[in-house]
Amino acid sequence: MATLLDEAMSKAVGALGVTALTAELRVRFRRPVPSGQEVAVHGWVLDRRRRRITVEAAVIGGDGAECAHGWGTFLATSNAAGPPEKGTGRL
């Protein structure tokens, strides 16, 4: 489940056109998912401040109930973070 959530969040960040790495991942398991059961996975971006991107994702079972929820922080790689702030020389 954690891998599914991380991948969904990664795809949401990628949709911004940003290359980023997972810095932090928190998962809440809400109910079991039997092996072989079809699920839907959704990820979305909440906020972006400089290099830090805050995201969430959810795994939804066939009956529409949430099976797991994830919160993550991604860090844009330096080549994708844009120009340094004027006058600081920092990203």
PDB file of N, CA and C in Angstrom:
ATOM      1  N   MET A   1       0.814  -1.196   0.000  1.00  0.00           N
ATOM      2  CA  MET A   1       0.000   0.000   0.000  1.00  0.00           C
ATOM      3  C   MET A   1       0.855   1.257   0.000  1.00  0.00           C
ATOM      4  N   ALA A   2       1.890   1.269   0.821  1.00  0.00           N
ATOM      5  CA  ALA A   2       2.736   2.460   0.892  1.00  0.00           C
ATOM      6  C   ALA A   2       3.359   2.766  -0.468  1.00  0.00           C
ATOM      7  N   THR A   3       3.745   1.721  -1.183  1.00  0.00           N
ATOM      8  CA  THR A   3       4.337   1.919  -2.515  1.00  0.00           C
ATOM      9  C   THR A   3       3.317   2.510  -3.481  1.00  0.00           C
ATOM     10  N   LEU A   4       2.084   2.020  -3.433  1.00  0.00           N
ATOM     11  CA  LEU A   4       1.024   2.573  -4.295  1.00  0.00           C
ATOM     12  C   LEU A   4       0.800   4.055  -4.005  1.00  0.00           C
ATOM     13  N   LEU A   5       0.731   4.390  -2.734  1.00  0.00           N
ATOM     14  CA  LEU A   5       0.504   5.784  -2.357  1.00  0.00           C
ATOM     15  C   LEU A   5       1.669   6.666  -2.779  1.00  0.00           C
ATOM     16  N   ASP A   6       2.895   6.191  -2.554  1.00  0.00           N
ATOM     17  CA  ASP A   6       4.080   6.959  -2.948  1.00  0.00           C
ATOM     18  C   ASP A   6       4.102   7.179  -4.459  1.00  0.00           C
ATOM     19  N   GLU A   7       3.766   6.151  -5.212  1.00  0.00           N
ATOM     20  CA  GLU A   7       3.768   6.268  -6.675  1.00  0.00           C
ATOM     21  C   GLU A   7       2.688   7.246  -7.149  1.00  0.00           C
ATOM     22  N   ALA A   8       1.505   7.197  -6.540  1.00  0.00           N
ATOM     23  CA  ALA A   8       0.428   8.122  -6.920  1.00  0.00           C
ATOM     24  C   ALA A   8       0.830   9.565  -6.631  1.00  0.00           C
ATOM     25  N   MET A   9       1.475   9.781  -5.491  1.00  0.00           N
ATOM     26  CA  MET A   9       1.928  11.133  -5.159  1.00  0.00           C
ATOM     27  C   MET A   9       3.030  11.581  -6.112  1.00  0.00           C
ATOM     28  N   SER A  10       3.913  10.662  -6.444  1.00  0.00           N
ATOM     29  CA  SER A  10       4.993  10.964  -7.384  1.00  0.00           C
ATOM     30  C   SER A  10       4.436  11.367  -8.746  1.00  0.00           C
ATOM     31  N   LYS A  11       3.414  10.666  -9.221  1.00  0.00           N
ATOM     32  CA  LYS A  11       2.792  11.003 -10.509  1.00  0.00           C
ATOM     33  C   LYS A  11       2.110  12.369 -10.445  1.00  0.00           C
ATOM     34  N   ALA A  12       1.496  12.697  -9.310  1.00  0.00           N
ATOM     35  CA  ALA A  12       0.859  14.009  -9.161  1.00  0.00           C
ATOM     36  C   ALA A  12       1.909  15.117  -9.223  1.00  0.00           C
ATOM     37  N   VAL A  13       3.044  14.901  -8.567  1.00  0.00           N
ATOM     38  CA  VAL A  13       4.134  15.872  -8.620  1.00  0.00           C
ATOM     39  C   VAL A  13       4.683  15.961 -10.039  1.00  0.00           C
ATOM     40  N   GLY A  14       4.844  14.820 -10.701  1.00  0.00           N
ATOM     41  CA  GLY A  14       5.342  14.797 -12.074  1.00  0.00           C
ATOM     42  C   GLY A  14       4.436  15.547 -13.034  1.00  0.00           C
ATOM     43  N   ALA A  15       3.132  15.559 -12.756  1.00  0.00           N
ATOM     44  CA  ALA A  15       2.185  16.285 -13.610  1.00  0.00           C
ATOM     45  C   ALA A  15       2.435  17.787 -13.572  1.00  0.00           C
ATOM     46  N   LEU A  16       3.154  18.260 -12.550  1.00  0.00           N
ATOM     47  CA  LEU A  16       3.537  19.669 -12.488  1.00  0.00           C
ATOM     48  C   LEU A  16       4.724  19.972 -13.389  1.00  0.00           C
ATOM     49  N   GLY A  17       5.334  18.912 -13.931  1.00  0.00           N
ATOM     50  CA  GLY A  17       6.528  19.086 -14.743  1.00  0.00           C
ATOM     51  C   GLY A  17       7.788  19.190 -13.895  1.00  0.00           C
ATOM     52  N   VAL A  18       7.721  18.656 -12.686  1.00  0.00           N
ATOM     53  CA  VAL A  18       8.815  18.758 -11.724  1.00  0.00           C
ATOM     54  C   VAL A  18       9.404  17.374 -11.464  1.00  0.00           C
ATOM     55  N   THR A  19      10.723  17.314 -11.379  1.00  0.00           N
ATOM     56  CA  THR A  19      11.395  16.103 -10.930  1.00  0.00           C
ATOM     57  C   THR A  19      11.637  16.255  -9.440  1.00  0.00           C
ATOM     58  N   ALA A  20      11.174  15.281  -8.648  1.00  0.00           N
ATOM     59  CA  ALA A  20      11.286  15.403  -7.196  1.00  0.00           C
ATOM     60  C   ALA A  20      11.501  14.043  -6.561  1.00  0.00           C
ATOM     61  N   LEU A  21      11.968  14.074  -5.329  1.00  0.00           N
ATOM     62  CA  LEU A  21      12.220  12.866  -4.547  1.00  0.00           C
ATOM     63  C   LEU A  21      11.355  12.876  -3.295  1.00  0.00           C
ATOM     64  N   THR A  22      10.941  11.699  -2.858  1.00  0.00           N
ATOM     65  CA  THR A  22      10.168  11.590  -1.627  1.00  0.00           C
ATOM     66  C   THR A  22      11.064  11.906  -0.439  1.00  0.00           C
ATOM     67  N   ALA A  23      10.674  12.891   0.348  1.00  0.00           N
ATOM     68  CA  ALA A  23      11.433  13.243   1.553  1.00  0.00           C
ATOM     69  C   ALA A  23      10.770  12.654   2.797  1.00  0.00           C
ATOM     70  N   GLU A  24       9.442  12.585   2.782  1.00  0.00           N
ATOM     71  CA  GLU A  24       8.707  12.080   3.926  1.00  0.00           C
ATOM     72  C   GLU A  24       7.422  11.431   3.446  1.00  0.00           C
ATOM     73  N   LEU A  25       7.065  10.314   4.066  1.00  0.00           N
ATOM     74  CA  LEU A  25       5.840   9.600   3.699  1.00  0.00           C
ATOM     75  C   LEU A  25       5.189   9.076   4.976  1.00  0.00           C
ATOM     76  N   ARG A  26       3.923   9.396   5.141  1.00  0.00           N
ATOM     77  CA  ARG A  26       3.150   8.895   6.285  1.00  0.00           C
ATOM     78  C   ARG A  26       1.920   8.188   5.740  1.00  0.00           C
ATOM     79  N   VAL A  27       1.605   7.027   6.283  1.00  0.00           N
ATOM     80  CA  VAL A  27       0.489   6.223   5.780  1.00  0.00           C
ATOM     81  C   VAL A  27      -0.433   5.843   6.930  1.00  0.00           C
ATOM     82  N   ARG A  28      -1.733   5.952   6.680  1.00  0.00           N
ATOM     83  CA  ARG A  28      -2.721   5.432   7.614  1.00  0.00           C
ATOM     84  C   ARG A  28      -3.481   4.320   6.892  1.00  0.00           C
ATOM     85  N   PHE A  29      -3.380   3.112   7.440  1.00  0.00           N
ATOM     86  CA  PHE A  29      -4.093   1.960   6.886  1.00  0.00           C
ATOM     87  C   PHE A  29      -5.471   1.921   7.521  1.00  0.00           C
ATOM     88  N   ARG A  30      -6.492   2.021   6.693  1.00  0.00           N
ATOM     89  CA  ARG A  30      -7.860   2.121   7.224  1.00  0.00           C
ATOM     90  C   ARG A  30      -8.605   0.786   7.233  1.00  0.00           C
ATOM     91  N   ARG A  31      -8.315  -0.067   6.250  1.00  0.00           N
ATOM     92  CA  ARG A  31      -8.962  -1.383   6.207  1.00  0.00           C
ATOM     93  C   ARG A  31      -8.160  -2.305   5.306  1.00  0.00           C
ATOM     94  N   PRO A  32      -8.261  -3.603   5.504  1.00  0.00           N
ATOM     95  CA  PRO A  32      -7.461  -4.537   4.704  1.00  0.00           C
ATOM     96  C   PRO A  32      -7.923  -4.596   3.251  1.00  0.00           C
ATOM     97  N   VAL A  33      -6.980  -4.904   2.383  1.00  0.00           N
ATOM     98  CA  VAL A  33      -7.273  -5.102   0.961  1.00  0.00           C
ATOM     99  C   VAL A  33      -6.752  -6.494   0.602  1.00  0.00           C
ATOM    100  N   PRO A  34      -7.658  -7.425   0.328  1.00  0.00           N
ATOM    101  CA  PRO A  34      -7.213  -8.772  -0.045  1.00  0.00           C
ATOM    102  C   PRO A  34      -6.409  -8.768  -1.344  1.00  0.00           C
ATOM    103  N   SER A  35      -5.445  -9.639  -1.425  1.00  0.00           N
ATOM    104  CA  SER A  35      -4.638  -9.770  -2.641  1.00  0.00           C
ATOM    105  C   SER A  35      -5.543 -10.056  -3.830  1.00  0.00           C
ATOM    106  N   GLY A  36      -5.308  -9.339  -4.919  1.00  0.00           N
ATOM    107  CA  GLY A  36      -6.094  -9.546  -6.137  1.00  0.00           C
ATOM    108  C   GLY A  36      -7.302  -8.634  -6.249  1.00  0.00           C
ATOM    109  N   GLN A  37      -7.676  -7.938  -5.178  1.00  0.00           N
ATOM    110  CA  GLN A  37      -8.823  -7.036  -5.239  1.00  0.00           C
ATOM    111  C   GLN A  37      -8.449  -5.789  -6.038  1.00  0.00           C
ATOM    112  N   GLU A  38      -9.337  -5.352  -6.929  1.00  0.00           N
ATOM    113  CA  GLU A  38      -9.097  -4.139  -7.692  1.00  0.00           C
ATOM    114  C   GLU A  38      -9.315  -2.925  -6.803  1.00  0.00           C
ATOM    115  N   VAL A  39      -8.420  -1.954  -6.956  1.00  0.00           N
ATOM    116  CA  VAL A  39      -8.521  -0.695  -6.216  1.00  0.00           C
ATOM    117  C   VAL A  39      -8.256   0.456  -7.168  1.00  0.00           C
ATOM    118  N   ALA A  40      -8.674   1.631  -6.764  1.00  0.00           N
ATOM    119  CA  ALA A  40      -8.338   2.858  -7.488  1.00  0.00           C
ATOM    120  C   ALA A  40      -7.379   3.640  -6.596  1.00  0.00           C
ATOM    121  N   VAL A  41      -6.429   4.297  -7.215  1.00  0.00           N
ATOM    122  CA  VAL A  41      -5.447   5.087  -6.468  1.00  0.00           C
ATOM    123  C   VAL A  41      -5.459   6.506  -7.020  1.00  0.00           C
ATOM    124  N   HIS A  42      -5.595   7.474  -6.133  1.00  0.00           N
ATOM    125  CA  HIS A  42      -5.647   8.882  -6.524  1.00  0.00           C
ATOM    126  C   HIS A  42      -4.590   9.660  -5.750  1.00  0.00           C
ATOM    127  N   GLY A  43      -3.878  10.541  -6.433  1.00  0.00           N
ATOM    128  CA  GLY A  43      -2.899  11.402  -5.789  1.00  0.00           C
ATOM    129  C   GLY A  43      -3.108  12.838  -6.225  1.00  0.00           C
ATOM    130  N   TRP A  44      -2.842  13.788  -5.323  1.00  0.00           N
ATOM    131  CA  TRP A  44      -3.035  15.186  -5.657  1.00  0.00           C
ATOM    132  C   TRP A  44      -2.040  16.053  -4.880  1.00  0.00           C
ATOM    133  N   VAL A  45      -1.740  17.197  -5.477  1.00  0.00           N
ATOM    134  CA  VAL A  45      -0.808  18.155  -4.879  1.00  0.00           C
ATOM    135  C   VAL A  45      -1.610  19.149  -4.040  1.00  0.00           C
ATOM    136  N   LEU A  46      -1.161  19.386  -2.826  1.00  0.00           N
ATOM    137  CA  LEU A  46      -1.803  20.357  -1.941  1.00  0.00           C
ATOM    138  C   LEU A  46      -1.142  21.723  -2.008  1.00  0.00           C
ATOM    139  N   ASP A  47       0.208  21.729  -2.063  1.00  0.00           N
ATOM    140  CA  ASP A  47       0.914  22.993  -1.950  1.00  0.00           C
ATOM    141  C   ASP A  47       2.328  22.845  -2.500  1.00  0.00           C
ATOM    142  N   ARG A  48       2.857  23.947  -3.026  1.00  0.00           N
ATOM    143  CA  ARG A  48       4.264  23.975  -3.429  1.00  0.00           C
ATOM    144  C   ARG A  48       4.874  25.278  -2.952  1.00  0.00           C
ATOM    145  N   ARG A  49       5.912  25.161  -2.171  1.00  0.00           N
ATOM    146  CA  ARG A  49       6.660  26.320  -1.676  1.00  0.00           C
ATOM    147  C   ARG A  49       8.133  26.065  -1.936  1.00  0.00           C
ATOM    148  N   ARG A  50       8.660  26.856  -2.864  1.00  0.00           N
ATOM    149  CA  ARG A  50      10.049  26.692  -3.297  1.00  0.00           C
ATOM    150  C   ARG A  50      10.285  25.246  -3.722  1.00  0.00           C
ATOM    151  N   ARG A  51      11.154  24.522  -3.051  1.00  0.00           N
ATOM    152  CA  ARG A  51      11.454  23.140  -3.453  1.00  0.00           C
ATOM    153  C   ARG A  51      10.526  22.125  -2.801  1.00  0.00           C
ATOM    154  N   ARG A  52       9.800  22.502  -1.765  1.00  0.00           N
ATOM    155  CA  ARG A  52       8.969  21.564  -1.007  1.00  0.00           C
ATOM    156  C   ARG A  52       7.562  21.466  -1.592  1.00  0.00           C
ATOM    157  N   ILE A  53       7.144  20.239  -1.881  1.00  0.00           N
ATOM    158  CA  ILE A  53       5.831  19.986  -2.468  1.00  0.00           C
ATOM    159  C   ILE A  53       5.076  19.051  -1.529  1.00  0.00           C
ATOM    160  N   THR A  54       3.901  19.483  -1.084  1.00  0.00           N
ATOM    161  CA  THR A  54       3.084  18.706  -0.159  1.00  0.00           C
ATOM    162  C   THR A  54       1.981  18.002  -0.960  1.00  0.00           C
ATOM    163  N   VAL A  55       1.851  16.698  -0.747  1.00  0.00           N
ATOM    164  CA  VAL A  55       0.905  15.905  -1.532  1.00  0.00           C
ATOM    165  C   VAL A  55       0.136  14.938  -0.632  1.00  0.00           C
ATOM    166  N   GLU A  56      -0.959  14.415  -1.174  1.00  0.00           N
ATOM    167  CA  GLU A  56      -1.732  13.365  -0.517  1.00  0.00           C
ATOM    168  C   GLU A  56      -2.143  12.349  -1.564  1.00  0.00           C
ATOM    169  N   ALA A  57      -2.503  11.164  -1.100  1.00  0.00           N
ATOM    170  CA  ALA A  57      -3.003  10.115  -1.990  1.00  0.00           C
ATOM    171  C   ALA A  57      -3.938   9.200  -1.203  1.00  0.00           C
ATOM    172  N   ALA A  58      -4.793   8.505  -1.926  1.00  0.00           N
ATOM    173  CA  ALA A  58      -5.727   7.571  -1.287  1.00  0.00           C
ATOM    174  C   ALA A  58      -5.874   6.327  -2.151  1.00  0.00           C
ATOM    175  N   VAL A  59      -6.042   5.191  -1.481  1.00  0.00           N
ATOM    176  CA  VAL A  59      -6.370   3.923  -2.148  1.00  0.00           C
ATOM    177  C   VAL A  59      -7.835   3.657  -1.832  1.00  0.00           C
ATOM    178  N   ILE A  60      -8.646   3.502  -2.873  1.00  0.00           N
ATOM    179  CA  ILE A  60     -10.085   3.313  -2.748  1.00  0.00           C
ATOM    180  C   ILE A  60     -10.452   1.904  -3.203  1.00  0.00           C
ATOM    181  N   GLY A  61     -11.170   1.174  -2.353  1.00  0.00           N
ATOM    182  CA  GLY A  61     -11.607  -0.176  -2.684  1.00  0.00           C
ATOM    183  C   GLY A  61     -12.749  -0.179  -3.684  1.00  0.00           C
ATOM    184  N   GLY A  62     -13.086  -1.365  -4.165  1.00  0.00           N
ATOM    185  CA  GLY A  62     -14.157  -1.522  -5.151  1.00  0.00           C
ATOM    186  C   GLY A  62     -15.507  -1.030  -4.674  1.00  0.00           C
ATOM    187  N   ASP A  63     -15.715  -1.000  -3.357  1.00  0.00           N
ATOM    188  CA  ASP A  63     -16.987  -0.541  -2.808  1.00  0.00           C
ATOM    189  C   ASP A  63     -16.991   0.971  -2.550  1.00  0.00           C
ATOM    190  N   GLY A  64     -15.893   1.659  -2.911  1.00  0.00           N
ATOM    191  CA  GLY A  64     -15.810   3.107  -2.747  1.00  0.00           C
ATOM    192  C   GLY A  64     -15.257   3.573  -1.419  1.00  0.00           C
ATOM    193  N   ALA A  65     -14.971   2.642  -0.514  1.00  0.00           N
ATOM    194  CA  ALA A  65     -14.431   3.017   0.798  1.00  0.00           C
ATOM    195  C   ALA A  65     -12.915   3.192   0.723  1.00  0.00           C
ATOM    196  N   GLU A  66     -12.400   4.142   1.488  1.00  0.00           N
ATOM    197  CA  GLU A  66     -10.958   4.384   1.517  1.00  0.00           C
ATOM    198  C   GLU A  66     -10.271   3.282   2.321  1.00  0.00           C
ATOM    199  N   CYS A  67      -9.276   2.663   1.700  1.00  0.00           N
ATOM    200  CA  CYS A  67      -8.521   1.575   2.337  1.00  0.00           C
ATOM    201  C   CYS A  67      -7.238   2.081   2.984  1.00  0.00           C
ATOM    202  N   ALA A  68      -6.643   3.109   2.410  1.00  0.00           N
ATOM    203  CA  ALA A  68      -5.417   3.694   2.946  1.00  0.00           C
ATOM    204  C   ALA A  68      -5.311   5.135   2.481  1.00  0.00           C
ATOM    205  N   HIS A  69      -4.641   5.935   3.287  1.00  0.00           N
ATOM    206  CA  HIS A  69      -4.441   7.346   2.954  1.00  0.00           C
ATOM    207  C   HIS A  69      -2.991   7.685   3.236  1.00  0.00           C
ATOM    208  N   GLY A  70      -2.387   8.479   2.362  1.00  0.00           N
ATOM    209  CA  GLY A  70      -0.992   8.849   2.539  1.00  0.00           C
ATOM    210  C   GLY A  70      -0.791  10.343   2.436  1.00  0.00           C
ATOM    211  N   TRP A  71       0.183  10.825   3.207  1.00  0.00           N
ATOM    212  CA  TRP A  71       0.602  12.216   3.181  1.00  0.00           C
ATOM    213  C   TRP A  71       2.085  12.220   2.885  1.00  0.00           C
ATOM    214  N   GLY A  72       2.521  13.107   2.010  1.00  0.00           N
ATOM    215  CA  GLY A  72       3.933  13.116   1.672  1.00  0.00           C
ATOM    216  C   GLY A  72       4.477  14.508   1.446  1.00  0.00           C
ATOM    217  N   THR A  73       5.784  14.585   1.598  1.00  0.00           N
ATOM    218  CA  THR A  73       6.529  15.788   1.261  1.00  0.00           C
ATOM    219  C   THR A  73       7.580  15.379   0.249  1.00  0.00           C
ATOM    220  N   PHE A  74       7.607  16.057  -0.869  1.00  0.00           N
ATOM    221  CA  PHE A  74       8.584  15.802  -1.917  1.00  0.00           C
ATOM    222  C   PHE A  74       9.490  17.018  -2.040  1.00  0.00           C
ATOM    223  N   LEU A  75      10.741  16.778  -2.389  1.00  0.00           N
ATOM    224  CA  LEU A  75      11.684  17.864  -2.631  1.00  0.00           C
ATOM    225  C   LEU A  75      12.061  17.861  -4.100  1.00  0.00           C
ATOM    226  N   ALA A  76      11.819  18.985  -4.765  1.00  0.00           N
ATOM    227  CA  ALA A  76      12.206  19.124  -6.165  1.00  0.00           C
ATOM    228  C   ALA A  76      13.727  19.070  -6.244  1.00  0.00           C
ATOM    229  N   THR A  77      14.243  18.353  -7.219  1.00  0.00           N
ATOM    230  CA  THR A  77      15.689  18.325  -7.398  1.00  0.00           C
ATOM    231  C   THR A  77      16.150  19.700  -7.841  1.00  0.00           C
ATOM    232  N   SER A  78      17.391  20.032  -7.575  1.00  0.00           N
ATOM    233  CA  SER A  78      17.876  21.394  -7.820  1.00  0.00           C
ATOM    234  C   SER A  78      17.732  21.817  -9.275  1.00  0.00           C
ATOM    235  N   ASN A  79      17.804  20.858 -10.211  1.00  0.00           N
ATOM    236  CA  ASN A  79      17.664  21.235 -11.614  1.00  0.00           C
ATOM    237  C   ASN A  79      16.217  21.498 -12.002  1.00  0.00           C
ATOM    238  N   ALA A  80      15.265  21.199 -11.111  1.00  0.00           N
ATOM    239  CA  ALA A  80      13.857  21.416 -11.425  1.00  0.00           C
ATOM    240  C   ALA A  80      13.224  22.478 -10.537  1.00  0.00           C
ATOM    241  N   ALA A  81      13.996  23.092  -9.674  1.00  0.00           N
ATOM    242  CA  ALA A  81      13.427  24.012  -8.697  1.00  0.00           C
ATOM    243  C   ALA A  81      13.290  25.436  -9.217  1.00  0.00           C
ATOM    244  N   GLY A  82      13.808  25.713 -10.399  1.00  0.00           N
ATOM    245  CA  GLY A  82      13.718  27.063 -10.933  1.00  0.00           C
ATOM    246  C   GLY A  82      14.924  27.881 -10.517  1.00  0.00           C
ATOM    247  N   PRO A  83      14.948  29.147 -10.900  1.00  0.00           N
ATOM    248  CA  PRO A  83      16.106  29.991 -10.598  1.00  0.00           C
ATOM    249  C   PRO A  83      16.191  30.308  -9.112  1.00  0.00           C
ATOM    250  N   PRO A  84      17.391  30.617  -8.623  1.00  0.00           N
ATOM    251  CA  PRO A  84      17.525  31.022  -7.224  1.00  0.00           C
ATOM    252  C   PRO A  84      16.764  32.323  -6.972  1.00  0.00           C
ATOM    253  N   GLU A  85      16.409  32.532  -5.726  1.00  0.00           N
ATOM    254  CA  GLU A  85      15.759  33.801  -5.384  1.00  0.00           C
ATOM    255  C   GLU A  85      16.745  34.934  -5.626  1.00  0.00           C
ATOM    256  N   LYS A  86      16.237  36.020  -6.131  1.00  0.00           N
ATOM    257  CA  LYS A  86      17.082  37.158  -6.480  1.00  0.00           C
ATOM    258  C   LYS A  86      17.871  37.655  -5.257  1.00  0.00           C
ATOM    259  N   GLY A  87      19.173  37.760  -5.433  1.00  0.00           N
ATOM    260  CA  GLY A  87      20.024  38.305  -4.396  1.00  0.00           C
ATOM    261  C   GLY A  87      20.470  37.348  -3.314  1.00  0.00           C
ATOM    262  N   THR A  88      19.931  36.117  -3.296  1.00  0.00           N
ATOM    263  CA  THR A  88      20.311  35.193  -2.223  1.00  0.00           C
ATOM    264  C   THR A  88      21.328  34.163  -2.690  1.00  0.00           C
ATOM    265  N   GLY A  89      21.299  33.814  -3.973  1.00  0.00           N
ATOM    266  CA  GLY A  89      22.182  32.761  -4.466  1.00  0.00           C
ATOM    267  C   GLY A  89      21.765  31.384  -3.989  1.00  0.00           C
ATOM    268  N   ARG A  90      20.596  31.300  -3.319  1.00  0.00           N
ATOM    269  CA  ARG A  90      20.102  30.011  -2.818  1.00  0.00           C
ATOM    270  C   ARG A  90      18.849  29.606  -3.566  1.00  0.00           C
ATOM    271  N   LEU A  91      18.559  28.309  -3.507  1.00  0.00           N
ATOM    272  CA  LEU A  91      17.305  27.812  -4.066  1.00  0.00           C
ATOM    273  C   LEU A  91      16.243  27.832  -2.996  1.00  0.00           C
TER     274      LEU A  91
END
